[in-house]
N, C-alpha and C. Protein backbone atom coordinates (compact mmCIF):
# COMPACT_ATOMS: atom_id res chain seq x y z
N MET A 1 118.47 106.36 101.48
CA MET A 1 117.49 106.97 102.37
C MET A 1 117.11 105.99 103.47
N THR A 2 116.95 106.48 104.70
CA THR A 2 116.53 105.65 105.81
C THR A 2 115.05 105.30 105.65
N GLN A 3 114.71 104.04 105.82
CA GLN A 3 113.32 103.66 105.69
C GLN A 3 112.51 104.25 106.85
N ARG A 4 111.30 104.61 106.58
CA ARG A 4 110.47 105.28 107.57
C ARG A 4 109.20 104.49 107.82
N THR A 5 108.53 104.83 108.91
CA THR A 5 107.27 104.19 109.23
C THR A 5 106.16 104.84 108.42
N GLY A 6 104.98 104.25 108.45
CA GLY A 6 103.83 104.81 107.73
C GLY A 6 103.69 104.29 106.31
N ILE A 7 104.61 103.42 105.87
CA ILE A 7 104.55 102.85 104.53
C ILE A 7 104.14 101.39 104.67
N ASN A 8 102.94 101.09 104.22
CA ASN A 8 102.35 99.77 104.48
C ASN A 8 101.63 99.25 103.23
N PRO A 9 102.35 98.57 102.35
CA PRO A 9 101.72 98.11 101.10
C PRO A 9 100.59 97.12 101.31
N HIS A 10 100.70 96.28 102.35
CA HIS A 10 99.65 95.29 102.60
C HIS A 10 98.32 95.98 102.92
N ARG A 11 98.37 96.93 103.83
CA ARG A 11 97.14 97.65 104.18
C ARG A 11 96.62 98.45 102.99
N TRP A 12 97.52 99.11 102.27
CA TRP A 12 97.10 99.90 101.11
C TRP A 12 96.39 99.04 100.08
N PHE A 13 96.94 97.86 99.81
CA PHE A 13 96.38 96.98 98.78
C PHE A 13 94.94 96.59 99.12
N TYR A 14 94.74 96.11 100.35
CA TYR A 14 93.40 95.63 100.71
C TYR A 14 92.44 96.79 100.99
N SER A 15 92.94 97.90 101.49
CA SER A 15 92.06 99.06 101.69
C SER A 15 91.64 99.65 100.35
N PHE A 16 92.53 99.58 99.35
CA PHE A 16 92.19 100.07 98.02
C PHE A 16 91.08 99.21 97.42
N ARG A 17 91.14 97.90 97.64
CA ARG A 17 90.07 97.03 97.15
C ARG A 17 88.73 97.44 97.75
N ASP A 18 88.72 97.76 99.05
CA ASP A 18 87.48 98.18 99.70
C ASP A 18 87.06 99.59 99.26
N PHE A 19 88.03 100.40 98.87
CA PHE A 19 87.78 101.78 98.47
C PHE A 19 87.06 101.86 97.12
N LEU A 20 87.36 100.93 96.23
CA LEU A 20 86.77 100.96 94.90
C LEU A 20 85.28 100.64 94.95
N GLU A 21 84.50 101.36 94.17
CA GLU A 21 83.06 101.13 94.11
C GLU A 21 82.79 100.08 93.03
N PRO A 22 82.27 98.90 93.40
CA PRO A 22 82.13 97.79 92.43
C PRO A 22 81.38 98.16 91.16
N ARG A 23 80.27 98.88 91.28
CA ARG A 23 79.49 99.20 90.07
C ARG A 23 80.28 100.13 89.16
N ARG A 24 80.91 101.14 89.74
CA ARG A 24 81.70 102.07 88.95
C ARG A 24 82.91 101.37 88.34
N LEU A 25 83.57 100.54 89.14
CA LEU A 25 84.74 99.80 88.66
C LEU A 25 84.37 98.92 87.48
N ALA A 26 83.27 98.20 87.58
CA ALA A 26 82.86 97.30 86.51
C ALA A 26 82.62 98.05 85.20
N THR A 27 81.95 99.18 85.27
CA THR A 27 81.64 99.94 84.06
C THR A 27 82.90 100.49 83.43
N VAL A 28 83.82 101.00 84.23
CA VAL A 28 85.07 101.54 83.70
C VAL A 28 85.89 100.45 83.03
N LEU A 29 85.97 99.28 83.64
CA LEU A 29 86.80 98.20 83.09
C LEU A 29 86.25 97.66 81.78
N ALA A 30 84.97 97.89 81.52
CA ALA A 30 84.40 97.46 80.25
C ALA A 30 84.84 98.37 79.11
N GLY A 31 85.35 99.53 79.44
CA GLY A 31 85.80 100.48 78.43
C GLY A 31 87.29 100.38 78.19
N SER A 32 87.89 101.52 77.87
CA SER A 32 89.32 101.54 77.58
C SER A 32 90.06 102.34 78.65
N ALA A 33 91.39 102.33 78.56
CA ALA A 33 92.23 103.12 79.46
C ALA A 33 92.06 102.73 80.92
N ALA A 34 91.84 101.43 81.19
CA ALA A 34 91.65 100.98 82.56
C ALA A 34 92.90 101.23 83.41
N GLU A 35 94.09 101.06 82.81
CA GLU A 35 95.32 101.24 83.59
C GLU A 35 95.44 102.67 84.10
N GLN A 36 95.17 103.65 83.23
CA GLN A 36 95.25 105.04 83.66
C GLN A 36 94.22 105.34 84.74
N TRP A 37 93.02 104.76 84.61
CA TRP A 37 91.97 105.00 85.59
C TRP A 37 92.34 104.38 86.93
N LEU A 38 92.86 103.15 86.92
CA LEU A 38 93.24 102.51 88.17
C LEU A 38 94.37 103.27 88.86
N ASN A 39 95.34 103.75 88.08
CA ASN A 39 96.40 104.58 88.65
C ASN A 39 95.82 105.83 89.30
N ALA A 40 94.89 106.46 88.61
CA ALA A 40 94.28 107.67 89.13
C ALA A 40 93.49 107.39 90.40
N GLU A 41 92.78 106.28 90.44
CA GLU A 41 92.01 105.92 91.62
C GLU A 41 92.92 105.57 92.80
N PHE A 42 94.05 104.92 92.51
CA PHE A 42 94.98 104.61 93.60
C PHE A 42 95.61 105.88 94.13
N PHE A 43 95.88 106.83 93.24
CA PHE A 43 96.36 108.14 93.68
C PHE A 43 95.32 108.80 94.57
N ARG A 44 94.07 108.75 94.16
CA ARG A 44 92.99 109.37 94.95
C ARG A 44 92.89 108.70 96.32
N TYR A 45 93.00 107.37 96.34
CA TYR A 45 92.96 106.65 97.61
C TYR A 45 94.11 107.06 98.52
N LEU A 46 95.34 107.06 98.00
CA LEU A 46 96.50 107.41 98.81
C LEU A 46 96.45 108.86 99.29
N ALA A 47 95.99 109.76 98.43
CA ALA A 47 95.90 111.16 98.82
C ALA A 47 95.03 111.31 100.06
N GLY A 48 93.93 110.57 100.10
CA GLY A 48 93.07 110.62 101.28
C GLY A 48 93.67 109.89 102.46
N ASP A 49 94.29 108.75 102.21
CA ASP A 49 94.85 107.95 103.30
C ASP A 49 96.00 108.68 103.98
N LEU A 50 96.80 109.40 103.21
CA LEU A 50 97.97 110.09 103.76
C LEU A 50 97.65 111.46 104.34
N SER A 51 96.41 111.90 104.18
CA SER A 51 96.06 113.26 104.62
C SER A 51 96.24 113.43 106.13
N GLY A 52 96.14 112.33 106.87
CA GLY A 52 96.32 112.42 108.32
C GLY A 52 97.71 112.09 108.79
N SER A 53 98.61 111.79 107.86
CA SER A 53 99.96 111.37 108.26
C SER A 53 100.79 112.55 108.76
N GLY A 54 100.58 113.72 108.19
CA GLY A 54 101.30 114.90 108.62
C GLY A 54 102.64 115.11 107.96
N ASP A 55 103.25 114.05 107.43
CA ASP A 55 104.59 114.23 106.86
C ASP A 55 104.84 113.41 105.61
N LEU A 56 103.78 113.00 104.91
CA LEU A 56 103.92 112.27 103.65
C LEU A 56 102.93 112.81 102.63
N THR A 57 103.33 112.81 101.37
CA THR A 57 102.42 113.13 100.29
C THR A 57 102.70 112.18 99.13
N VAL A 58 101.80 112.14 98.17
CA VAL A 58 101.99 111.28 97.00
C VAL A 58 102.02 112.16 95.75
N TYR A 59 102.91 111.82 94.83
CA TYR A 59 103.13 112.65 93.64
C TYR A 59 103.03 111.75 92.41
N PRO A 60 102.27 112.15 91.38
CA PRO A 60 102.11 111.32 90.18
C PRO A 60 103.25 111.51 89.18
N GLU A 61 103.61 110.42 88.52
CA GLU A 61 104.58 110.46 87.41
C GLU A 61 105.85 111.22 87.81
N TRP A 62 106.45 110.76 88.88
CA TRP A 62 107.72 111.33 89.34
C TRP A 62 108.86 110.66 88.56
N GLY A 63 109.52 111.43 87.70
CA GLY A 63 110.50 110.82 86.82
C GLY A 63 109.78 109.86 85.88
N LYS A 64 110.22 108.63 85.85
CA LYS A 64 109.57 107.61 85.05
C LYS A 64 108.73 106.67 85.90
N ARG A 65 108.48 107.06 87.15
CA ARG A 65 107.72 106.21 88.08
C ARG A 65 106.25 106.62 88.07
N ASP A 66 105.36 105.62 88.23
CA ASP A 66 103.93 105.92 88.22
C ASP A 66 103.54 106.84 89.37
N LEU A 67 103.94 106.46 90.59
CA LEU A 67 103.63 107.25 91.78
C LEU A 67 104.84 107.25 92.70
N ALA A 68 105.03 108.36 93.41
CA ALA A 68 106.11 108.44 94.39
C ALA A 68 105.57 109.06 95.68
N LEU A 69 105.92 108.45 96.81
CA LEU A 69 105.62 109.04 98.09
C LEU A 69 106.82 109.88 98.51
N MET A 70 106.54 111.07 99.04
CA MET A 70 107.61 111.98 99.44
C MET A 70 107.37 112.49 100.85
N GLU A 71 108.45 112.72 101.56
CA GLU A 71 108.33 113.32 102.87
C GLU A 71 108.04 114.81 102.73
N VAL A 72 107.30 115.33 103.69
CA VAL A 72 106.94 116.74 103.72
C VAL A 72 107.58 117.40 104.94
N VAL A 73 108.31 118.47 104.71
CA VAL A 73 108.97 119.21 105.79
C VAL A 73 108.53 120.67 105.70
N ASP A 74 107.97 121.17 106.79
CA ASP A 74 107.48 122.55 106.84
C ASP A 74 106.51 122.85 105.70
N GLY A 75 105.67 121.86 105.40
CA GLY A 75 104.64 122.04 104.39
C GLY A 75 105.11 121.87 102.96
N ARG A 76 106.39 121.56 102.75
CA ARG A 76 106.91 121.40 101.39
C ARG A 76 107.42 119.97 101.18
N PRO A 77 107.04 119.34 100.06
CA PRO A 77 107.55 117.99 99.78
C PRO A 77 109.02 118.02 99.38
N ILE A 78 109.75 117.02 99.84
CA ILE A 78 111.15 116.87 99.44
C ILE A 78 111.15 116.12 98.12
N THR A 79 111.25 116.84 97.02
CA THR A 79 111.11 116.25 95.69
C THR A 79 112.41 115.66 95.15
N SER A 80 113.49 115.82 95.88
CA SER A 80 114.78 115.31 95.41
C SER A 80 114.92 113.81 95.62
N GLU A 81 114.10 113.22 96.48
CA GLU A 81 114.17 111.79 96.72
C GLU A 81 112.80 111.28 97.15
N ALA A 82 112.58 110.00 96.92
CA ALA A 82 111.28 109.40 97.24
C ALA A 82 111.36 108.61 98.54
N ALA A 83 110.25 108.60 99.27
CA ALA A 83 110.13 107.75 100.45
C ALA A 83 109.67 106.35 100.04
N ALA A 84 109.00 106.24 98.90
CA ALA A 84 108.57 104.95 98.35
C ALA A 84 108.13 105.17 96.91
N ILE A 85 108.23 104.12 96.11
CA ILE A 85 107.83 104.14 94.70
C ILE A 85 106.74 103.11 94.48
N ILE A 86 105.76 103.45 93.65
CA ILE A 86 104.68 102.53 93.30
C ILE A 86 104.54 102.46 91.79
N GLU A 87 104.57 101.24 91.26
CA GLU A 87 104.36 101.01 89.83
C GLU A 87 103.13 100.12 89.65
N ALA A 88 102.49 100.22 88.49
CA ALA A 88 101.29 99.42 88.24
C ALA A 88 101.26 98.94 86.80
N LYS A 89 100.69 97.77 86.61
CA LYS A 89 100.49 97.21 85.28
C LYS A 89 99.14 96.50 85.24
N VAL A 90 98.52 96.55 84.07
CA VAL A 90 97.25 95.86 83.82
C VAL A 90 97.42 94.88 82.68
N VAL A 91 96.96 93.65 82.87
CA VAL A 91 96.92 92.67 81.79
C VAL A 91 95.46 92.28 81.57
N TYR A 92 95.12 91.97 80.32
CA TYR A 92 93.74 91.68 79.95
C TYR A 92 93.59 90.22 79.51
N SER A 93 92.37 89.73 79.68
CA SER A 93 92.10 88.33 79.34
C SER A 93 92.24 88.07 77.84
N SER A 94 92.22 89.10 77.02
CA SER A 94 92.40 88.93 75.58
C SER A 94 93.87 88.75 75.20
N TYR A 95 94.79 89.00 76.14
CA TYR A 95 96.21 88.89 75.86
C TYR A 95 96.64 87.42 75.72
N GLU A 96 97.56 87.18 74.81
CA GLU A 96 98.19 85.87 74.72
C GLU A 96 99.12 85.69 75.93
N PRO A 97 99.40 84.42 76.32
CA PRO A 97 100.28 84.19 77.47
C PRO A 97 101.63 84.89 77.37
N GLY A 98 102.19 84.96 76.16
CA GLY A 98 103.48 85.62 75.99
C GLY A 98 103.41 87.10 76.30
N LYS A 99 102.31 87.75 75.95
CA LYS A 99 102.16 89.17 76.23
C LYS A 99 101.96 89.41 77.72
N ILE A 100 101.21 88.52 78.36
CA ILE A 100 101.04 88.61 79.82
C ILE A 100 102.39 88.49 80.50
N ASP A 101 103.20 87.54 80.05
CA ASP A 101 104.53 87.34 80.61
C ASP A 101 105.39 88.59 80.46
N THR A 102 105.32 89.24 79.31
CA THR A 102 106.10 90.46 79.08
C THR A 102 105.70 91.57 80.03
N TYR A 103 104.40 91.77 80.22
CA TYR A 103 103.92 92.83 81.12
C TYR A 103 104.33 92.54 82.56
N VAL A 104 104.20 91.29 82.98
CA VAL A 104 104.55 90.92 84.35
C VAL A 104 106.05 91.14 84.60
N LYS A 105 106.87 90.71 83.66
CA LYS A 105 108.32 90.88 83.81
C LYS A 105 108.71 92.36 83.82
N THR A 106 108.01 93.16 83.01
CA THR A 106 108.28 94.60 83.00
C THR A 106 107.98 95.21 84.36
N LEU A 107 106.86 94.82 84.97
CA LEU A 107 106.51 95.34 86.28
C LEU A 107 107.56 94.97 87.33
N LEU A 108 107.98 93.71 87.33
CA LEU A 108 108.98 93.26 88.31
C LEU A 108 110.31 93.99 88.12
N LYS A 109 110.69 94.19 86.88
CA LYS A 109 111.93 94.91 86.59
C LYS A 109 111.84 96.35 87.09
N GLN A 110 110.69 96.99 86.88
CA GLN A 110 110.51 98.37 87.33
C GLN A 110 110.58 98.47 88.85
N VAL A 111 109.94 97.55 89.54
CA VAL A 111 109.95 97.57 91.00
C VAL A 111 111.35 97.32 91.53
N SER A 112 112.01 96.32 90.97
CA SER A 112 113.37 95.98 91.42
C SER A 112 114.34 97.14 91.18
N SER A 113 114.28 97.74 89.99
CA SER A 113 115.20 98.83 89.68
C SER A 113 114.89 100.08 90.50
N ALA A 114 113.61 100.32 90.79
CA ALA A 114 113.25 101.48 91.60
C ALA A 114 113.81 101.36 93.00
N ALA A 115 113.69 100.17 93.60
CA ALA A 115 114.23 99.97 94.95
C ALA A 115 115.74 100.09 94.96
N ARG A 116 116.36 99.56 93.93
CA ARG A 116 117.83 99.59 93.86
C ARG A 116 118.35 100.99 93.58
N ASN A 117 117.77 101.66 92.61
CA ASN A 117 118.30 102.97 92.20
C ASN A 117 117.90 104.10 93.13
N GLU A 118 116.68 104.03 93.68
CA GLU A 118 116.21 105.10 94.55
C GLU A 118 116.55 104.84 96.02
N GLY A 119 116.88 103.58 96.34
CA GLY A 119 117.23 103.24 97.71
C GLY A 119 116.06 103.34 98.68
N CYS A 120 114.84 103.10 98.19
CA CYS A 120 113.66 103.19 99.04
C CYS A 120 112.75 102.00 98.75
N PRO A 121 111.74 101.75 99.59
CA PRO A 121 110.79 100.68 99.29
C PRO A 121 110.09 100.93 97.95
N ALA A 122 109.83 99.85 97.23
CA ALA A 122 109.11 99.95 95.96
C ALA A 122 108.05 98.87 95.91
N PHE A 123 106.90 99.21 95.36
CA PHE A 123 105.76 98.31 95.30
C PHE A 123 105.21 98.23 93.89
N GLY A 124 104.72 97.07 93.52
CA GLY A 124 104.12 96.89 92.22
C GLY A 124 102.71 96.36 92.35
N LEU A 125 101.78 96.96 91.64
CA LEU A 125 100.39 96.51 91.61
C LEU A 125 100.12 95.86 90.26
N LEU A 126 99.65 94.62 90.29
CA LEU A 126 99.33 93.90 89.06
C LEU A 126 97.84 93.63 89.04
N PHE A 127 97.16 94.16 88.01
CA PHE A 127 95.72 93.96 87.86
C PHE A 127 95.47 93.06 86.65
N ALA A 128 94.65 92.05 86.85
CA ALA A 128 94.27 91.14 85.77
C ALA A 128 92.79 91.37 85.45
N VAL A 129 92.54 92.02 84.31
CA VAL A 129 91.18 92.42 83.95
C VAL A 129 90.58 91.42 82.97
N TYR A 130 89.48 90.83 83.38
CA TYR A 130 88.76 89.87 82.55
C TYR A 130 87.53 90.56 81.99
N GLY A 131 87.34 90.48 80.69
CA GLY A 131 86.17 91.12 80.13
C GLY A 131 85.87 90.68 78.70
N TYR A 132 84.61 90.64 78.38
CA TYR A 132 84.20 90.39 76.99
C TYR A 132 82.76 90.87 76.79
N TRP A 133 82.42 91.05 75.54
CA TRP A 133 81.09 91.54 75.15
C TRP A 133 80.37 90.41 74.43
N PRO A 134 79.47 89.69 75.11
CA PRO A 134 78.77 88.56 74.46
C PRO A 134 78.01 88.97 73.22
N GLY A 135 77.50 90.20 73.18
CA GLY A 135 76.76 90.63 72.01
C GLY A 135 77.63 90.89 70.80
N VAL A 136 78.93 91.02 71.01
CA VAL A 136 79.86 91.29 69.92
C VAL A 136 80.60 90.02 69.52
N ARG A 137 81.05 89.26 70.53
CA ARG A 137 81.78 88.02 70.27
C ARG A 137 80.81 86.84 70.27
N ARG A 138 80.74 86.14 69.15
CA ARG A 138 79.84 84.99 69.08
C ARG A 138 80.39 83.81 69.85
N ARG A 139 81.72 83.70 69.90
CA ARG A 139 82.33 82.62 70.66
C ARG A 139 82.69 83.09 72.06
N PRO A 140 82.57 82.21 73.05
CA PRO A 140 82.97 82.61 74.41
C PRO A 140 84.49 82.77 74.49
N PRO A 141 85.00 83.46 75.50
CA PRO A 141 86.45 83.64 75.65
C PRO A 141 87.17 82.30 75.73
N ARG A 142 88.43 82.30 75.36
CA ARG A 142 89.20 81.05 75.38
C ARG A 142 89.44 80.54 76.79
N ARG A 143 89.39 81.47 77.80
CA ARG A 143 89.61 81.09 79.19
C ARG A 143 88.50 81.65 80.06
N THR A 144 88.15 80.91 81.10
CA THR A 144 87.21 81.43 82.09
C THR A 144 87.94 82.43 82.99
N MET A 145 87.20 83.13 83.81
CA MET A 145 87.80 84.06 84.75
C MET A 145 88.80 83.33 85.66
N GLN A 146 88.41 82.17 86.16
CA GLN A 146 89.29 81.42 87.06
C GLN A 146 90.55 80.95 86.35
N GLU A 147 90.40 80.49 85.12
CA GLU A 147 91.57 80.06 84.35
C GLU A 147 92.51 81.24 84.08
N PHE A 148 91.92 82.38 83.79
CA PHE A 148 92.73 83.58 83.52
C PHE A 148 93.50 84.00 84.76
N ARG A 149 92.85 84.05 85.90
CA ARG A 149 93.54 84.48 87.12
C ARG A 149 94.63 83.49 87.52
N ARG A 150 94.39 82.20 87.28
CA ARG A 150 95.44 81.21 87.57
C ARG A 150 96.63 81.38 86.63
N LEU A 151 96.34 81.69 85.36
CA LEU A 151 97.41 81.93 84.40
C LEU A 151 98.27 83.11 84.81
N VAL A 152 97.63 84.20 85.19
CA VAL A 152 98.37 85.39 85.61
C VAL A 152 99.16 85.10 86.89
N GLY A 153 98.54 84.40 87.83
CA GLY A 153 99.23 84.07 89.08
C GLY A 153 100.45 83.20 88.87
N SER A 154 100.33 82.19 88.02
CA SER A 154 101.47 81.31 87.75
C SER A 154 102.55 82.04 86.96
N THR A 155 102.15 82.95 86.08
CA THR A 155 103.12 83.75 85.33
C THR A 155 103.91 84.64 86.29
N LEU A 156 103.22 85.25 87.24
CA LEU A 156 103.88 86.08 88.24
C LEU A 156 104.83 85.25 89.08
N ASP A 157 104.40 84.07 89.49
CA ASP A 157 105.24 83.19 90.31
C ASP A 157 106.52 82.81 89.56
N GLY A 158 106.39 82.44 88.29
CA GLY A 158 107.56 82.06 87.52
C GLY A 158 108.52 83.22 87.31
N ALA A 159 107.97 84.41 87.04
CA ALA A 159 108.83 85.57 86.77
C ALA A 159 109.56 86.02 88.03
N MET A 160 108.98 85.83 89.19
CA MET A 160 109.59 86.30 90.43
C MET A 160 110.83 85.50 90.83
N ARG A 161 111.02 84.34 90.25
CA ARG A 161 112.20 83.54 90.58
C ARG A 161 113.49 84.22 90.17
N ARG A 162 113.41 85.17 89.25
CA ARG A 162 114.60 85.92 88.84
C ARG A 162 114.87 87.10 89.77
N TYR A 163 113.95 87.36 90.69
CA TYR A 163 114.10 88.51 91.58
C TYR A 163 113.94 88.06 93.04
N PRO A 164 114.98 87.47 93.62
CA PRO A 164 114.88 86.91 94.98
C PRO A 164 114.56 87.95 96.04
N ARG A 165 114.84 89.22 95.78
CA ARG A 165 114.53 90.26 96.78
C ARG A 165 113.04 90.62 96.81
N LEU A 166 112.34 90.33 95.74
CA LEU A 166 110.93 90.68 95.68
C LEU A 166 110.07 89.70 96.46
N LYS A 167 109.08 90.23 97.14
CA LYS A 167 108.08 89.42 97.84
C LYS A 167 106.71 89.77 97.30
N ARG A 168 105.77 88.88 97.51
CA ARG A 168 104.40 89.15 97.07
C ARG A 168 103.46 88.99 98.25
N GLY A 169 102.29 89.63 98.14
CA GLY A 169 101.34 89.57 99.23
C GLY A 169 100.90 88.15 99.53
N LYS A 170 100.37 87.47 98.52
CA LYS A 170 99.97 86.07 98.62
C LYS A 170 100.27 85.40 97.29
N TYR A 171 100.28 84.06 97.29
CA TYR A 171 100.55 83.37 96.04
C TYR A 171 99.40 83.58 95.06
N ALA A 172 98.16 83.42 95.55
CA ALA A 172 97.00 83.52 94.65
C ALA A 172 96.67 84.98 94.35
N MET A 173 96.14 85.21 93.15
CA MET A 173 95.61 86.53 92.82
C MET A 173 94.35 86.77 93.65
N GLU A 174 94.19 87.97 94.18
CA GLU A 174 93.04 88.31 95.00
C GLU A 174 91.91 88.87 94.13
N THR A 175 90.69 88.51 94.45
CA THR A 175 89.55 89.03 93.70
C THR A 175 89.28 90.48 94.11
N PHE A 176 89.33 91.39 93.15
CA PHE A 176 88.95 92.77 93.38
C PHE A 176 87.51 93.00 92.94
N LEU A 177 87.11 92.31 91.89
CA LEU A 177 85.74 92.41 91.42
C LEU A 177 85.34 91.03 90.87
N PRO A 178 84.40 90.33 91.53
CA PRO A 178 83.96 89.05 90.99
C PRO A 178 83.35 89.23 89.60
N GLU A 179 83.49 88.22 88.79
CA GLU A 179 82.92 88.29 87.44
C GLU A 179 81.44 88.66 87.51
N ARG A 180 81.07 89.66 86.72
CA ARG A 180 79.68 90.10 86.75
C ARG A 180 79.25 90.63 85.39
N ARG A 181 77.97 90.60 85.17
CA ARG A 181 77.37 91.09 83.93
C ARG A 181 76.86 92.51 84.18
N ILE A 182 77.22 93.44 83.30
CA ILE A 182 76.79 94.82 83.48
C ILE A 182 76.11 95.32 82.22
N CYS A 183 75.21 96.26 82.39
CA CYS A 183 74.52 96.88 81.26
C CYS A 183 75.39 97.98 80.67
N VAL A 184 75.50 98.00 79.37
CA VAL A 184 76.20 99.06 78.66
C VAL A 184 75.23 99.56 77.59
N GLY A 185 74.46 100.57 77.93
CA GLY A 185 73.43 101.02 77.01
C GLY A 185 72.39 99.93 76.82
N ALA A 186 72.15 99.58 75.56
CA ALA A 186 71.12 98.59 75.25
C ALA A 186 71.67 97.17 75.18
N THR A 187 72.96 96.99 75.51
CA THR A 187 73.53 95.65 75.50
C THR A 187 74.24 95.41 76.83
N HIS A 188 75.13 94.43 76.91
CA HIS A 188 75.81 94.15 78.17
C HIS A 188 77.21 93.63 77.92
N ALA A 189 78.00 93.68 78.98
CA ALA A 189 79.37 93.14 78.96
C ALA A 189 79.57 92.33 80.23
N VAL A 190 80.60 91.51 80.22
CA VAL A 190 80.97 90.71 81.40
C VAL A 190 82.38 91.12 81.81
N VAL A 191 82.56 91.48 83.07
CA VAL A 191 83.86 91.93 83.54
C VAL A 191 84.17 91.33 84.91
N GLY A 192 85.44 91.32 85.25
CA GLY A 192 85.92 90.90 86.56
C GLY A 192 87.38 91.30 86.66
N VAL A 193 87.90 91.39 87.86
CA VAL A 193 89.31 91.75 88.01
C VAL A 193 89.90 91.09 89.25
N ALA A 194 91.11 90.57 89.07
CA ALA A 194 91.90 90.04 90.17
C ALA A 194 93.19 90.86 90.25
N ALA A 195 93.83 90.85 91.39
CA ALA A 195 95.02 91.67 91.56
C ALA A 195 95.94 91.07 92.61
N GLN A 196 97.18 91.52 92.59
CA GLN A 196 98.15 91.13 93.61
C GLN A 196 99.23 92.21 93.66
N TYR A 197 99.96 92.26 94.74
CA TYR A 197 101.04 93.24 94.85
C TYR A 197 102.36 92.55 95.16
N VAL A 198 103.45 93.19 94.74
CA VAL A 198 104.79 92.73 95.05
C VAL A 198 105.54 93.90 95.66
N PHE A 199 106.61 93.61 96.40
CA PHE A 199 107.35 94.70 97.02
C PHE A 199 108.81 94.33 97.24
N ASP A 200 109.62 95.36 97.26
CA ASP A 200 111.04 95.27 97.60
C ASP A 200 111.28 96.36 98.64
N ARG A 201 111.82 96.00 99.78
CA ARG A 201 111.97 96.95 100.89
C ARG A 201 113.10 97.96 100.65
N GLY A 202 113.86 97.77 99.58
CA GLY A 202 114.94 98.71 99.29
C GLY A 202 116.13 98.51 100.20
N ARG A 203 117.08 99.41 100.07
CA ARG A 203 118.31 99.29 100.87
C ARG A 203 118.07 99.69 102.32
């Protein structure tokens, strides 16, 4: 497929950060199913962002892909091929380094294979969710928020060496939500999230 204009992962990434409501984001991340929620919110963001494009739409769970952008002709999406693919993964501060490495490598493999097999740009969103419940855990987490984000960033950097075609937005993980304390009923939790994106421009 010929690459087209209107596909801008850099703008999408940072606009999505501004799109998220910090208070709502913090409360959701303290619960479960954060990956599904973030995917849904990114879909909601893109649906609004593309509404003025006139010839692009976004489709959830296209094949085995999290999200697919499709061209629209005469009001109908061309579902036989994608204009771009988006994959996402979430890692948590409770994960051991080996598990973080597995998730990161899975994301890079998905992005690389999507660009190669679909012949279109592919993007990967990596979210690093830091969280704990002081009222439940008597001991503090093994890593601080900063240590966790550095661990995820260095893991991503090491894994990308196997994929020379992949690029990343920046070396450091970007803060999406600074570490903060939130009320959860009669107790509280501490949450924060950092993120980064990678991309392959495809053939």
